[in-house]
Amino acid sequence: MQLTTNFSLAEMCRSARAEECGIDNTAPPSAVENGIALARDILQPLRDHYDAAVWTSSWFRCAALNREVGGAATSQHLTAEAADVNVAGRSAHEVAWWIAQSDLPFDQVIWERKPSGAEWVHVSRAAKPRRQALMATFDANGKPTYAPLEAPSS
């Protein structure tokens, strides 16, 4: 099932970790509706703006998968209201900043960076968007520290 031109239900539910652990990560109808809204209102406009592939590394997570990956009990991934993304050829910082400056109805946009150098953008949608723009750095134990998102240096 296609959610938008470039995003599918299969992509929304895909998880290498779920496959490794034998977890059924099938989304219930309410999560599918949220996933459609996130794809329509945030992900597809992001894809169209950059005219480049947008990869999701975590979108919908069932409760068992969320526990497995150490996700927060209130994670928007549980309801498919959030996705972790990268855009081909663009830094995660640049993408997060563009979303933060856009008129897209995002709830949170977080530029996340691991000590290994891995980075991605967590973006979410909610009925009443908070429009929080943050950056998160993780210590060696995986604990994040949050700060307001700053513009990328030129």
N, C-alpha and C. Protein backbone atom coordinates (compact mmCIF):
# COMPACT_ATOMS: atom_id res chain seq x y z
N MET A 1 0.84 -1.18 0.00
CA MET A 1 0.00 0.00 0.00
C MET A 1 0.89 1.24 0.00
N GLN A 2 0.63 2.15 -0.93
CA GLN A 2 1.33 3.42 -0.97
C GLN A 2 0.65 4.41 -0.03
N LEU A 3 1.46 5.10 0.78
CA LEU A 3 0.94 6.14 1.66
C LEU A 3 0.93 7.47 0.93
N THR A 4 2.00 7.72 0.14
CA THR A 4 2.11 8.88 -0.74
C THR A 4 2.86 8.39 -1.97
N THR A 5 3.19 9.29 -2.86
CA THR A 5 3.92 8.91 -4.08
C THR A 5 5.19 8.13 -3.78
N ASN A 6 5.94 8.55 -2.77
CA ASN A 6 7.25 7.96 -2.51
C ASN A 6 7.38 7.17 -1.22
N PHE A 7 6.29 7.00 -0.48
CA PHE A 7 6.38 6.28 0.80
C PHE A 7 5.30 5.22 0.88
N SER A 8 5.69 4.05 1.40
CA SER A 8 4.77 2.91 1.45
C SER A 8 4.57 2.41 2.88
N LEU A 9 3.51 1.64 3.05
CA LEU A 9 3.23 1.00 4.33
C LEU A 9 4.36 0.03 4.69
N ALA A 10 4.88 -0.68 3.71
CA ALA A 10 5.98 -1.62 3.97
C ALA A 10 7.19 -0.89 4.55
N GLU A 11 7.50 0.28 4.01
CA GLU A 11 8.61 1.07 4.52
C GLU A 11 8.33 1.55 5.95
N MET A 12 7.08 1.94 6.21
CA MET A 12 6.71 2.42 7.53
C MET A 12 6.94 1.35 8.60
N CYS A 13 6.69 0.09 8.25
CA CYS A 13 6.78 -1.01 9.22
C CYS A 13 8.11 -1.75 9.19
N ARG A 14 8.95 -1.47 8.19
CA ARG A 14 10.22 -2.19 8.03
C ARG A 14 11.15 -1.93 9.21
N SER A 15 11.74 -3.00 9.73
CA SER A 15 12.71 -2.89 10.82
C SER A 15 13.62 -4.10 10.80
N ALA A 16 14.90 -3.85 10.56
CA ALA A 16 15.88 -4.94 10.60
C ALA A 16 15.92 -5.56 11.99
N ARG A 17 15.81 -4.73 13.02
CA ARG A 17 15.86 -5.24 14.40
C ARG A 17 14.66 -6.14 14.69
N ALA A 18 13.48 -5.74 14.21
CA ALA A 18 12.29 -6.58 14.40
C ALA A 18 12.49 -7.93 13.72
N GLU A 19 13.04 -7.92 12.51
CA GLU A 19 13.30 -9.17 11.80
C GLU A 19 14.29 -10.04 12.56
N GLU A 20 15.38 -9.43 13.04
CA GLU A 20 16.39 -10.16 13.80
C GLU A 20 15.79 -10.83 15.04
N CYS A 21 14.86 -10.14 15.68
CA CYS A 21 14.28 -10.62 16.94
C CYS A 21 12.99 -11.40 16.75
N GLY A 22 12.53 -11.56 15.51
CA GLY A 22 11.29 -12.27 15.25
C GLY A 22 10.06 -11.53 15.76
N ILE A 23 10.09 -10.20 15.73
CA ILE A 23 8.98 -9.38 16.20
C ILE A 23 8.09 -8.99 15.03
N ASP A 24 6.80 -9.22 15.16
CA ASP A 24 5.83 -8.80 14.14
C ASP A 24 5.57 -7.31 14.33
N ASN A 25 6.04 -6.51 13.39
CA ASN A 25 5.92 -5.05 13.49
C ASN A 25 4.80 -4.52 12.58
N THR A 26 3.72 -5.27 12.47
CA THR A 26 2.58 -4.85 11.67
C THR A 26 1.85 -3.71 12.39
N ALA A 27 1.57 -2.65 11.65
CA ALA A 27 0.91 -1.48 12.23
C ALA A 27 -0.60 -1.67 12.28
N PRO A 28 -1.23 -1.29 13.40
CA PRO A 28 -2.69 -1.32 13.48
C PRO A 28 -3.26 -0.16 12.64
N PRO A 29 -4.57 -0.21 12.33
CA PRO A 29 -5.17 0.84 11.49
C PRO A 29 -4.94 2.26 11.99
N SER A 30 -4.98 2.49 13.29
CA SER A 30 -4.77 3.85 13.81
C SER A 30 -3.35 4.34 13.49
N ALA A 31 -2.36 3.46 13.58
CA ALA A 31 -0.99 3.84 13.24
C ALA A 31 -0.85 4.07 11.74
N VAL A 32 -1.57 3.29 10.94
CA VAL A 32 -1.52 3.50 9.49
C VAL A 32 -2.04 4.90 9.16
N GLU A 33 -3.13 5.30 9.79
CA GLU A 33 -3.67 6.65 9.55
C GLU A 33 -2.65 7.72 9.94
N ASN A 34 -1.99 7.54 11.07
CA ASN A 34 -0.95 8.49 11.49
C ASN A 34 0.21 8.49 10.51
N GLY A 35 0.59 7.31 10.03
CA GLY A 35 1.68 7.21 9.07
C GLY A 35 1.35 7.91 7.77
N ILE A 36 0.10 7.79 7.32
CA ILE A 36 -0.32 8.50 6.11
C ILE A 36 -0.18 10.00 6.33
N ALA A 37 -0.63 10.50 7.47
CA ALA A 37 -0.54 11.94 7.75
C ALA A 37 0.91 12.40 7.81
N LEU A 38 1.79 11.63 8.46
CA LEU A 38 3.20 12.00 8.54
C LEU A 38 3.83 12.02 7.14
N ALA A 39 3.54 11.00 6.36
CA ALA A 39 4.09 10.94 5.00
C ALA A 39 3.56 12.11 4.16
N ARG A 40 2.28 12.35 4.22
CA ARG A 40 1.65 13.41 3.41
C ARG A 40 2.12 14.80 3.81
N ASP A 41 2.19 15.06 5.12
CA ASP A 41 2.42 16.42 5.60
C ASP A 41 3.89 16.77 5.84
N ILE A 42 4.73 15.76 6.04
CA ILE A 42 6.14 16.03 6.37
C ILE A 42 7.09 15.34 5.39
N LEU A 43 7.00 14.02 5.28
CA LEU A 43 8.01 13.28 4.52
C LEU A 43 7.95 13.54 3.02
N GLN A 44 6.76 13.52 2.44
CA GLN A 44 6.66 13.78 1.00
C GLN A 44 7.09 15.21 0.65
N PRO A 45 6.66 16.24 1.40
CA PRO A 45 7.17 17.58 1.12
C PRO A 45 8.69 17.68 1.27
N LEU A 46 9.27 16.96 2.22
CA LEU A 46 10.72 16.94 2.39
C LEU A 46 11.37 16.32 1.15
N ARG A 47 10.84 15.21 0.70
CA ARG A 47 11.35 14.54 -0.50
C ARG A 47 11.23 15.45 -1.72
N ASP A 48 10.08 16.11 -1.85
CA ASP A 48 9.86 17.00 -2.99
C ASP A 48 10.80 18.21 -2.94
N HIS A 49 11.03 18.76 -1.76
CA HIS A 49 11.90 19.93 -1.63
C HIS A 49 13.32 19.61 -2.09
N TYR A 50 13.87 18.51 -1.63
CA TYR A 50 15.25 18.16 -1.97
C TYR A 50 15.37 17.38 -3.28
N ASP A 51 14.25 16.89 -3.80
CA ASP A 51 14.26 16.06 -5.02
C ASP A 51 15.33 14.97 -4.88
N ALA A 52 15.30 14.32 -3.73
CA ALA A 52 16.28 13.28 -3.41
C ALA A 52 15.60 12.24 -2.53
N ALA A 53 16.19 11.05 -2.51
CA ALA A 53 15.65 9.97 -1.68
C ALA A 53 15.64 10.36 -0.21
N VAL A 54 14.58 9.99 0.47
CA VAL A 54 14.47 10.15 1.92
C VAL A 54 14.38 8.74 2.49
N TRP A 55 15.37 8.37 3.32
CA TRP A 55 15.39 7.04 3.92
C TRP A 55 14.89 7.11 5.34
N THR A 56 14.01 6.20 5.69
CA THR A 56 13.54 6.10 7.07
C THR A 56 14.26 4.93 7.74
N SER A 57 14.79 5.18 8.93
CA SER A 57 15.45 4.09 9.65
C SER A 57 14.60 3.61 10.82
N SER A 58 13.64 4.39 11.20
CA SER A 58 12.70 3.98 12.24
C SER A 58 11.46 4.82 12.06
N TRP A 59 10.34 4.15 11.84
CA TRP A 59 9.09 4.88 11.66
C TRP A 59 8.10 4.28 12.66
N PHE A 60 7.31 3.30 12.25
CA PHE A 60 6.42 2.66 13.22
C PHE A 60 7.20 1.63 14.03
N ARG A 61 6.95 1.60 15.35
CA ARG A 61 7.49 0.56 16.22
C ARG A 61 6.35 0.03 17.08
N CYS A 62 6.10 -1.28 17.00
CA CYS A 62 5.15 -1.89 17.93
C CYS A 62 5.77 -1.84 19.33
N ALA A 63 4.98 -2.11 20.35
CA ALA A 63 5.46 -2.01 21.73
C ALA A 63 6.67 -2.92 21.98
N ALA A 64 6.63 -4.15 21.46
CA ALA A 64 7.74 -5.08 21.68
C ALA A 64 9.03 -4.56 21.04
N LEU A 65 8.93 -4.02 19.84
CA LEU A 65 10.12 -3.47 19.17
C LEU A 65 10.61 -2.22 19.90
N ASN A 66 9.70 -1.39 20.33
CA ASN A 66 10.09 -0.18 21.05
C ASN A 66 10.86 -0.53 22.33
N ARG A 67 10.39 -1.56 23.05
CA ARG A 67 11.12 -2.02 24.24
C ARG A 67 12.50 -2.56 23.85
N GLU A 68 12.54 -3.34 22.78
CA GLU A 68 13.79 -3.94 22.32
C GLU A 68 14.85 -2.90 22.02
N VAL A 69 14.46 -1.78 21.42
CA VAL A 69 15.43 -0.76 21.04
C VAL A 69 15.63 0.30 22.12
N GLY A 70 14.95 0.14 23.26
CA GLY A 70 15.11 1.08 24.36
C GLY A 70 14.39 2.40 24.14
N GLY A 71 13.32 2.37 23.34
CA GLY A 71 12.55 3.59 23.08
C GLY A 71 11.76 4.03 24.30
N ALA A 72 11.44 5.30 24.33
CA ALA A 72 10.66 5.86 25.44
C ALA A 72 9.25 5.28 25.42
N ALA A 73 8.67 5.12 26.60
CA ALA A 73 7.31 4.57 26.72
C ALA A 73 6.28 5.44 26.03
N THR A 74 6.59 6.72 25.86
CA THR A 74 5.66 7.64 25.20
C THR A 74 6.11 8.00 23.79
N SER A 75 7.02 7.22 23.22
CA SER A 75 7.56 7.50 21.89
C SER A 75 6.46 7.64 20.84
N GLN A 76 6.58 8.66 20.01
CA GLN A 76 5.64 8.83 18.90
C GLN A 76 5.85 7.77 17.82
N HIS A 77 6.95 7.04 17.86
CA HIS A 77 7.15 5.93 16.93
C HIS A 77 6.08 4.84 17.18
N LEU A 78 5.61 4.72 18.42
CA LEU A 78 4.59 3.71 18.75
C LEU A 78 3.28 3.92 17.99
N THR A 79 3.04 5.15 17.58
CA THR A 79 1.79 5.48 16.88
C THR A 79 2.04 5.91 15.44
N ALA A 80 3.27 5.75 14.95
CA ALA A 80 3.68 6.14 13.60
C ALA A 80 3.56 7.64 13.37
N GLU A 81 3.63 8.40 14.45
CA GLU A 81 3.63 9.86 14.32
C GLU A 81 5.04 10.42 14.17
N ALA A 82 6.06 9.55 14.22
CA ALA A 82 7.45 9.99 14.12
C ALA A 82 8.23 9.06 13.21
N ALA A 83 9.25 9.62 12.58
CA ALA A 83 10.17 8.82 11.77
C ALA A 83 11.57 9.40 11.95
N ASP A 84 12.57 8.53 11.85
CA ASP A 84 13.97 8.94 11.82
C ASP A 84 14.39 8.85 10.37
N VAL A 85 14.94 9.94 9.83
CA VAL A 85 15.19 10.02 8.39
C VAL A 85 16.58 10.58 8.08
N ASN A 86 17.02 10.27 6.88
CA ASN A 86 18.17 10.90 6.25
C ASN A 86 17.78 11.20 4.81
N VAL A 87 18.36 12.26 4.26
CA VAL A 87 18.10 12.65 2.88
C VAL A 87 19.40 12.47 2.09
N ALA A 88 19.31 11.81 0.96
CA ALA A 88 20.48 11.55 0.12
C ALA A 88 21.20 12.85 -0.22
N GLY A 89 22.50 12.87 0.05
CA GLY A 89 23.33 14.01 -0.33
C GLY A 89 23.23 15.22 0.57
N ARG A 90 22.52 15.11 1.68
CA ARG A 90 22.34 16.25 2.59
C ARG A 90 22.74 15.85 4.00
N SER A 91 23.30 16.78 4.75
CA SER A 91 23.62 16.48 6.14
C SER A 91 22.32 16.50 6.95
N ALA A 92 22.30 15.72 8.00
CA ALA A 92 21.12 15.69 8.87
C ALA A 92 20.89 17.06 9.50
N HIS A 93 21.97 17.77 9.80
CA HIS A 93 21.84 19.10 10.39
C HIS A 93 21.12 20.04 9.42
N GLU A 94 21.53 20.03 8.18
CA GLU A 94 20.89 20.87 7.16
C GLU A 94 19.41 20.53 7.03
N VAL A 95 19.10 19.25 6.99
CA VAL A 95 17.70 18.82 6.83
C VAL A 95 16.87 19.24 8.04
N ALA A 96 17.40 19.04 9.24
CA ALA A 96 16.67 19.43 10.45
C ALA A 96 16.41 20.93 10.44
N TRP A 97 17.42 21.71 10.05
CA TRP A 97 17.26 23.16 10.02
C TRP A 97 16.19 23.57 9.00
N TRP A 98 16.22 22.93 7.83
CA TRP A 98 15.21 23.27 6.81
C TRP A 98 13.80 22.99 7.34
N ILE A 99 13.61 21.83 7.96
CA ILE A 99 12.29 21.51 8.52
C ILE A 99 11.90 22.55 9.56
N ALA A 100 12.84 22.90 10.44
CA ALA A 100 12.55 23.84 11.52
C ALA A 100 12.13 25.21 10.98
N GLN A 101 12.69 25.60 9.84
CA GLN A 101 12.38 26.91 9.27
C GLN A 101 11.18 26.88 8.32
N SER A 102 10.69 25.69 8.03
CA SER A 102 9.58 25.53 7.08
C SER A 102 8.24 25.79 7.75
N ASP A 103 7.20 25.76 6.93
CA ASP A 103 5.84 25.87 7.48
C ASP A 103 5.19 24.50 7.60
N LEU A 104 6.00 23.43 7.52
CA LEU A 104 5.46 22.08 7.70
C LEU A 104 4.91 21.94 9.11
N PRO A 105 3.84 21.17 9.30
CA PRO A 105 3.21 21.05 10.62
C PRO A 105 3.91 20.03 11.53
N PHE A 106 5.21 20.23 11.74
CA PHE A 106 5.95 19.28 12.57
C PHE A 106 5.71 19.54 14.05
N ASP A 107 5.77 18.47 14.82
CA ASP A 107 5.67 18.56 16.27
C ASP A 107 7.08 18.74 16.85
N GLN A 108 7.96 17.83 16.49
CA GLN A 108 9.37 17.91 16.90
C GLN A 108 10.25 17.64 15.70
N VAL A 109 11.35 18.34 15.62
CA VAL A 109 12.43 17.99 14.72
C VAL A 109 13.69 17.99 15.58
N ILE A 110 14.42 16.88 15.53
CA ILE A 110 15.61 16.73 16.36
C ILE A 110 16.75 16.21 15.50
N TRP A 111 17.83 16.96 15.43
CA TRP A 111 19.06 16.51 14.78
C TRP A 111 19.78 15.67 15.81
N GLU A 112 19.89 14.37 15.56
CA GLU A 112 20.49 13.44 16.52
C GLU A 112 21.85 12.97 16.00
N ARG A 113 22.84 12.96 16.92
CA ARG A 113 24.22 12.58 16.55
C ARG A 113 24.80 11.64 17.59
N LYS A 114 25.37 10.54 17.12
CA LYS A 114 26.05 9.56 17.99
C LYS A 114 27.55 9.87 18.01
N PRO A 115 28.27 9.42 19.05
CA PRO A 115 29.72 9.62 19.09
C PRO A 115 30.43 9.00 17.87
N SER A 116 29.84 7.98 17.28
CA SER A 116 30.42 7.32 16.11
C SER A 116 30.37 8.18 14.86
N GLY A 117 29.60 9.27 14.93
CA GLY A 117 29.43 10.12 13.75
C GLY A 117 28.11 9.88 13.04
N ALA A 118 27.41 8.80 13.39
CA ALA A 118 26.10 8.54 12.79
C ALA A 118 25.16 9.68 13.16
N GLU A 119 24.35 10.11 12.21
CA GLU A 119 23.39 11.18 12.47
C GLU A 119 22.13 10.96 11.66
N TRP A 120 21.05 11.50 12.16
CA TRP A 120 19.77 11.40 11.49
C TRP A 120 18.86 12.49 12.03
N VAL A 121 17.70 12.63 11.41
CA VAL A 121 16.70 13.60 11.85
C VAL A 121 15.49 12.84 12.35
N HIS A 122 15.11 13.11 13.57
CA HIS A 122 13.85 12.61 14.12
C HIS A 122 12.83 13.71 13.84
N VAL A 123 11.76 13.35 13.16
CA VAL A 123 10.71 14.33 12.88
C VAL A 123 9.36 13.71 13.21
N SER A 124 8.50 14.50 13.83
CA SER A 124 7.19 13.99 14.21
C SER A 124 6.10 14.99 13.86
N ARG A 125 4.89 14.46 13.88
CA ARG A 125 3.69 15.23 13.59
C ARG A 125 2.69 14.92 14.69
N ALA A 126 1.92 15.92 15.09
CA ALA A 126 0.89 15.72 16.11
C ALA A 126 -0.28 16.63 15.78
N ALA A 127 -1.43 16.32 16.35
CA ALA A 127 -2.63 17.12 16.11
C ALA A 127 -2.41 18.58 16.53
N LYS A 128 -1.70 18.76 17.65
CA LYS A 128 -1.37 20.12 18.11
C LYS A 128 0.15 20.25 18.14
N PRO A 129 0.77 20.63 17.02
CA PRO A 129 2.23 20.66 16.95
C PRO A 129 2.86 21.68 17.90
N ARG A 130 3.90 21.20 18.59
CA ARG A 130 4.67 22.06 19.51
C ARG A 130 5.74 22.87 18.78
N ARG A 131 6.14 22.40 17.59
CA ARG A 131 7.19 23.03 16.79
C ARG A 131 8.50 23.15 17.59
N GLN A 132 8.87 22.05 18.25
CA GLN A 132 10.13 22.00 18.97
C GLN A 132 11.26 21.66 18.00
N ALA A 133 12.31 22.44 18.01
CA ALA A 133 13.48 22.20 17.17
C ALA A 133 14.68 22.04 18.09
N LEU A 134 15.23 20.82 18.12
CA LEU A 134 16.28 20.48 19.07
C LEU A 134 17.44 19.78 18.38
N MET A 135 18.55 19.70 19.08
CA MET A 135 19.64 18.81 18.67
C MET A 135 19.97 17.94 19.86
N ALA A 136 20.34 16.71 19.58
CA ALA A 136 20.65 15.74 20.63
C ALA A 136 22.01 15.13 20.35
N THR A 137 22.84 15.13 21.38
CA THR A 137 24.11 14.42 21.31
C THR A 137 24.05 13.31 22.35
N PHE A 138 24.67 12.20 22.02
CA PHE A 138 24.62 11.02 22.88
C PHE A 138 25.98 10.77 23.49
N ASP A 139 26.01 10.39 24.77
CA ASP A 139 27.27 10.03 25.41
C ASP A 139 27.59 8.56 25.08
N ALA A 140 28.69 8.08 25.59
CA ALA A 140 29.13 6.71 25.29
C ALA A 140 28.14 5.66 25.76
N ASN A 141 27.29 5.99 26.75
CA ASN A 141 26.29 5.06 27.24
C ASN A 141 24.95 5.18 26.50
N GLY A 142 24.91 6.05 25.51
CA GLY A 142 23.69 6.22 24.73
C GLY A 142 22.69 7.20 25.32
N LYS A 143 23.08 7.92 26.37
CA LYS A 143 22.18 8.89 26.99
C LYS A 143 22.24 10.21 26.22
N PRO A 144 21.08 10.72 25.78
CA PRO A 144 21.09 11.98 25.01
C PRO A 144 21.10 13.22 25.90
N THR A 145 21.70 14.26 25.36
CA THR A 145 21.62 15.60 25.93
C THR A 145 20.99 16.48 24.85
N TYR A 146 19.95 17.25 25.23
CA TYR A 146 19.22 18.06 24.26
C TYR A 146 19.54 19.53 24.44
N ALA A 147 19.55 20.25 23.31
CA ALA A 147 19.75 21.70 23.29
C ALA A 147 18.94 22.25 22.12
N PRO A 148 18.67 23.55 22.12
CA PRO A 148 17.96 24.13 20.97
C PRO A 148 18.76 23.94 19.69
N LEU A 149 18.07 23.69 18.60
CA LEU A 149 18.70 23.52 17.31
C LEU A 149 19.28 24.85 16.84
N GLU A 150 20.52 24.83 16.41
CA GLU A 150 21.18 26.02 15.88
C GLU A 150 21.36 25.87 14.37
N ALA A 151 21.47 26.99 13.69
CA ALA A 151 21.67 26.98 12.25
C ALA A 151 23.01 26.32 11.91
N PRO A 152 23.05 25.59 10.80
CA PRO A 152 24.34 25.02 10.36
C PRO A 152 25.31 26.16 10.00
N SER A 153 26.58 25.95 10.25
CA SER A 153 27.56 26.96 9.85
C SER A 153 27.77 26.87 8.34
N SER A 154 27.97 28.00 7.74
CA SER A 154 28.10 28.04 6.27
C SER A 154 29.45 27.61 5.81
